[in-house]
């Protein structure tokens, strides 16, 4: 089973959702939310790969690398080590 880290818009900015659990804080920008998600994963010692996704305007969850590169099926896997 793949584990996801989703960066989604929130009424107050952006939040990250890791394996279905939303961050307690919100972030003013997408980049701040992404950085906070990386820091959180490092802090909890997440050893597995995470698939980072961002919510598209139509509500679909797209892998971050698809949005950045426009390549279908492209997935950015981030391996975090403590």
N, C-alpha and C. Protein backbone atom coordinates (compact mmCIF):
# COMPACT_ATOMS: atom_id res chain seq x y z
N UNK A 1 0.84 -1.18 0.00
CA UNK A 1 0.00 0.00 0.00
C UNK A 1 0.89 1.24 0.00
N UNK A 2 0.60 2.17 -0.90
CA UNK A 2 1.35 3.41 -0.94
C UNK A 2 0.80 4.37 0.09
N UNK A 3 1.68 5.14 0.65
CA UNK A 3 1.27 6.15 1.62
C UNK A 3 1.39 7.51 0.96
N UNK A 4 0.40 8.34 1.20
CA UNK A 4 0.33 9.62 0.53
C UNK A 4 0.56 10.77 1.49
N UNK A 5 1.09 11.82 0.95
CA UNK A 5 1.16 13.11 1.62
C UNK A 5 0.51 14.10 0.67
N UNK A 6 -0.67 14.56 1.03
CA UNK A 6 -1.43 15.47 0.17
C UNK A 6 -1.31 16.90 0.67
N UNK A 7 -1.10 17.82 -0.26
CA UNK A 7 -1.09 19.24 0.04
C UNK A 7 -2.38 19.80 -0.55
N UNK A 8 -3.26 20.29 0.32
CA UNK A 8 -4.59 20.72 -0.13
C UNK A 8 -4.90 22.13 0.34
N UNK A 9 -5.72 22.84 -0.45
CA UNK A 9 -6.13 24.19 -0.03
C UNK A 9 -7.06 24.11 1.18
N UNK A 10 -6.99 25.14 1.98
CA UNK A 10 -7.80 25.25 3.19
C UNK A 10 -8.33 26.67 3.22
N UNK A 11 -9.39 26.91 3.93
CA UNK A 11 -9.98 28.25 3.99
C UNK A 11 -8.98 29.31 4.46
N UNK A 12 -7.97 28.88 5.20
CA UNK A 12 -7.00 29.82 5.75
C UNK A 12 -5.63 29.72 5.07
N UNK A 13 -5.51 28.92 4.02
CA UNK A 13 -4.23 28.76 3.32
C UNK A 13 -4.10 27.35 2.77
N UNK A 14 -3.09 26.64 3.24
CA UNK A 14 -2.82 25.26 2.80
C UNK A 14 -2.57 24.39 4.02
N UNK A 15 -2.92 23.11 3.91
CA UNK A 15 -2.61 22.12 4.95
C UNK A 15 -2.03 20.90 4.26
N UNK A 16 -1.34 20.06 5.04
CA UNK A 16 -0.92 18.77 4.51
C UNK A 16 -1.71 17.68 5.20
N UNK A 17 -1.94 16.60 4.48
CA UNK A 17 -2.65 15.44 5.00
C UNK A 17 -1.77 14.23 4.76
N UNK A 18 -1.32 13.60 5.83
CA UNK A 18 -0.46 12.43 5.72
C UNK A 18 -1.26 11.22 6.17
N UNK A 19 -1.44 10.30 5.25
CA UNK A 19 -2.19 9.06 5.53
C UNK A 19 -3.55 9.35 6.16
N UNK A 20 -4.23 10.38 5.68
CA UNK A 20 -5.57 10.71 6.13
C UNK A 20 -5.66 11.61 7.34
N UNK A 21 -4.52 12.03 7.91
CA UNK A 21 -4.53 12.89 9.09
C UNK A 21 -4.05 14.28 8.69
N UNK A 22 -4.91 15.28 8.92
CA UNK A 22 -4.60 16.67 8.54
C UNK A 22 -3.68 17.32 9.55
N UNK A 23 -2.79 18.19 9.04
CA UNK A 23 -1.90 18.93 9.94
C UNK A 23 -2.72 19.81 10.88
N UNK A 24 -2.19 20.00 12.08
CA UNK A 24 -2.88 20.82 13.06
C UNK A 24 -2.82 22.29 12.69
N UNK A 25 -1.78 22.68 11.99
CA UNK A 25 -1.60 24.06 11.57
C UNK A 25 -1.94 24.23 10.10
N UNK A 26 -2.14 25.48 9.68
CA UNK A 26 -2.29 25.79 8.27
C UNK A 26 -1.11 26.65 7.87
N UNK A 27 -0.87 26.73 6.58
CA UNK A 27 0.29 27.46 6.06
C UNK A 27 -0.18 28.42 4.98
N UNK A 28 0.43 29.60 4.94
CA UNK A 28 -0.01 30.65 4.01
C UNK A 28 0.27 30.31 2.55
N UNK A 29 1.28 29.50 2.28
CA UNK A 29 1.61 29.15 0.90
C UNK A 29 1.75 27.64 0.74
N UNK A 30 1.65 27.21 -0.49
CA UNK A 30 1.84 25.80 -0.82
C UNK A 30 3.24 25.35 -0.42
N UNK A 31 4.26 26.17 -0.73
CA UNK A 31 5.64 25.82 -0.41
C UNK A 31 5.85 25.64 1.10
N UNK A 32 5.26 26.50 1.90
CA UNK A 32 5.37 26.35 3.36
C UNK A 32 4.73 25.05 3.83
N UNK A 33 3.59 24.70 3.26
CA UNK A 33 2.93 23.44 3.63
C UNK A 33 3.79 22.24 3.23
N UNK A 34 4.39 22.30 2.05
CA UNK A 34 5.24 21.20 1.59
C UNK A 34 6.46 21.07 2.50
N UNK A 35 7.10 22.18 2.85
CA UNK A 35 8.26 22.15 3.75
C UNK A 35 7.87 21.60 5.12
N UNK A 36 6.71 21.99 5.62
CA UNK A 36 6.25 21.50 6.92
C UNK A 36 5.99 20.01 6.87
N UNK A 37 5.44 19.52 5.77
CA UNK A 37 5.19 18.09 5.62
C UNK A 37 6.50 17.31 5.63
N UNK A 38 7.50 17.81 4.90
CA UNK A 38 8.81 17.17 4.90
C UNK A 38 9.41 17.14 6.30
N UNK A 39 9.31 18.25 7.02
CA UNK A 39 9.85 18.34 8.38
C UNK A 39 9.12 17.38 9.32
N UNK A 40 7.81 17.30 9.18
CA UNK A 40 7.02 16.41 10.03
C UNK A 40 7.42 14.95 9.79
N UNK A 41 7.57 14.57 8.53
CA UNK A 41 7.95 13.19 8.21
C UNK A 41 9.34 12.86 8.75
N UNK A 42 10.24 13.82 8.68
CA UNK A 42 11.59 13.60 9.22
C UNK A 42 11.53 13.47 10.74
N UNK A 43 10.70 14.29 11.39
CA UNK A 43 10.58 14.29 12.85
C UNK A 43 10.02 12.97 13.37
N UNK A 44 9.07 12.39 12.64
CA UNK A 44 8.46 11.14 13.12
C UNK A 44 9.23 9.91 12.64
N UNK A 45 10.29 10.15 11.87
CA UNK A 45 11.13 9.05 11.42
C UNK A 45 10.46 8.16 10.39
N UNK A 46 9.68 8.77 9.52
CA UNK A 46 9.03 8.00 8.45
C UNK A 46 10.10 7.42 7.54
N UNK A 47 10.15 6.12 7.46
CA UNK A 47 11.22 5.47 6.71
C UNK A 47 10.78 5.06 5.30
N UNK A 48 9.49 4.99 5.06
CA UNK A 48 9.00 4.54 3.75
C UNK A 48 8.91 5.68 2.75
N UNK A 49 8.68 5.31 1.52
CA UNK A 49 8.49 6.32 0.47
C UNK A 49 7.10 6.92 0.60
N UNK A 50 7.01 8.19 0.30
CA UNK A 50 5.73 8.88 0.29
C UNK A 50 5.49 9.40 -1.12
N UNK A 51 4.26 9.36 -1.54
CA UNK A 51 3.86 9.96 -2.80
C UNK A 51 3.22 11.29 -2.45
N UNK A 52 3.86 12.38 -2.87
CA UNK A 52 3.33 13.71 -2.61
C UNK A 52 2.34 14.08 -3.71
N UNK A 53 1.16 14.53 -3.29
CA UNK A 53 0.12 14.93 -4.25
C UNK A 53 -0.40 16.31 -3.88
N UNK A 54 -0.93 16.98 -4.89
CA UNK A 54 -1.53 18.29 -4.71
C UNK A 54 -2.92 18.26 -5.31
N UNK A 55 -3.86 18.93 -4.67
CA UNK A 55 -5.23 18.94 -5.17
C UNK A 55 -5.35 19.91 -6.34
N UNK A 56 -5.83 19.39 -7.46
CA UNK A 56 -6.04 20.20 -8.66
C UNK A 56 -7.35 20.99 -8.51
N UNK A 57 -7.54 22.02 -9.34
CA UNK A 57 -8.78 22.81 -9.24
C UNK A 57 -10.06 21.99 -9.38
N UNK A 58 -10.00 20.86 -10.10
CA UNK A 58 -11.19 20.03 -10.25
C UNK A 58 -11.36 19.05 -9.09
N UNK A 59 -10.49 19.10 -8.08
CA UNK A 59 -10.57 18.25 -6.91
C UNK A 59 -9.77 16.97 -7.00
N UNK A 60 -9.25 16.67 -8.19
CA UNK A 60 -8.45 15.45 -8.37
C UNK A 60 -7.10 15.60 -7.68
N UNK A 61 -6.63 14.50 -7.08
CA UNK A 61 -5.32 14.51 -6.43
C UNK A 61 -4.29 14.06 -7.44
N UNK A 62 -3.35 14.94 -7.78
CA UNK A 62 -2.33 14.67 -8.78
C UNK A 62 -0.96 14.61 -8.13
N UNK A 63 -0.13 13.64 -8.55
CA UNK A 63 1.25 13.61 -8.05
C UNK A 63 1.94 14.93 -8.34
N UNK A 64 2.74 15.41 -7.41
CA UNK A 64 3.39 16.71 -7.55
C UNK A 64 4.21 16.79 -8.83
N UNK A 65 4.92 15.73 -9.18
CA UNK A 65 5.76 15.79 -10.38
C UNK A 65 4.93 15.91 -11.65
N UNK A 66 3.68 15.39 -11.66
CA UNK A 66 2.82 15.55 -12.83
C UNK A 66 2.50 17.02 -13.05
N UNK A 67 2.26 17.72 -11.97
CA UNK A 67 1.95 19.14 -12.07
C UNK A 67 3.16 19.93 -12.51
N UNK A 68 4.33 19.57 -12.01
CA UNK A 68 5.55 20.31 -12.30
C UNK A 68 6.03 20.05 -13.73
N UNK A 69 5.94 18.80 -14.19
CA UNK A 69 6.51 18.44 -15.47
C UNK A 69 5.48 18.23 -16.55
N UNK A 70 4.22 18.04 -16.16
CA UNK A 70 3.18 17.77 -17.14
C UNK A 70 3.29 16.40 -17.77
N UNK A 71 3.94 15.46 -17.09
CA UNK A 71 4.13 14.12 -17.63
C UNK A 71 3.12 13.18 -17.00
N UNK A 72 2.24 12.56 -17.80
CA UNK A 72 1.26 11.66 -17.22
C UNK A 72 1.93 10.44 -16.62
N UNK A 73 1.41 10.02 -15.46
CA UNK A 73 1.94 8.84 -14.80
C UNK A 73 3.22 9.07 -14.04
N UNK A 74 3.75 10.26 -14.08
CA UNK A 74 4.98 10.58 -13.39
C UNK A 74 4.69 10.79 -11.91
N UNK A 75 5.42 10.12 -11.06
CA UNK A 75 5.19 10.23 -9.62
C UNK A 75 6.50 10.56 -8.93
N UNK A 76 6.46 11.56 -8.07
CA UNK A 76 7.62 11.94 -7.28
C UNK A 76 7.58 11.15 -5.98
N UNK A 77 8.57 10.33 -5.76
CA UNK A 77 8.68 9.57 -4.52
C UNK A 77 9.80 10.20 -3.71
N UNK A 78 9.47 10.53 -2.49
CA UNK A 78 10.44 11.17 -1.62
C UNK A 78 10.78 10.20 -0.50
N UNK A 79 12.04 9.85 -0.42
CA UNK A 79 12.49 8.98 0.65
C UNK A 79 13.16 9.84 1.70
N UNK A 80 12.65 9.80 2.90
CA UNK A 80 13.19 10.62 3.97
C UNK A 80 13.94 9.72 4.95
N UNK A 81 15.13 10.12 5.28
CA UNK A 81 15.87 9.38 6.28
C UNK A 81 16.18 10.29 7.45
N UNK A 82 16.20 9.73 8.62
CA UNK A 82 16.43 10.54 9.83
C UNK A 82 17.87 10.95 9.95
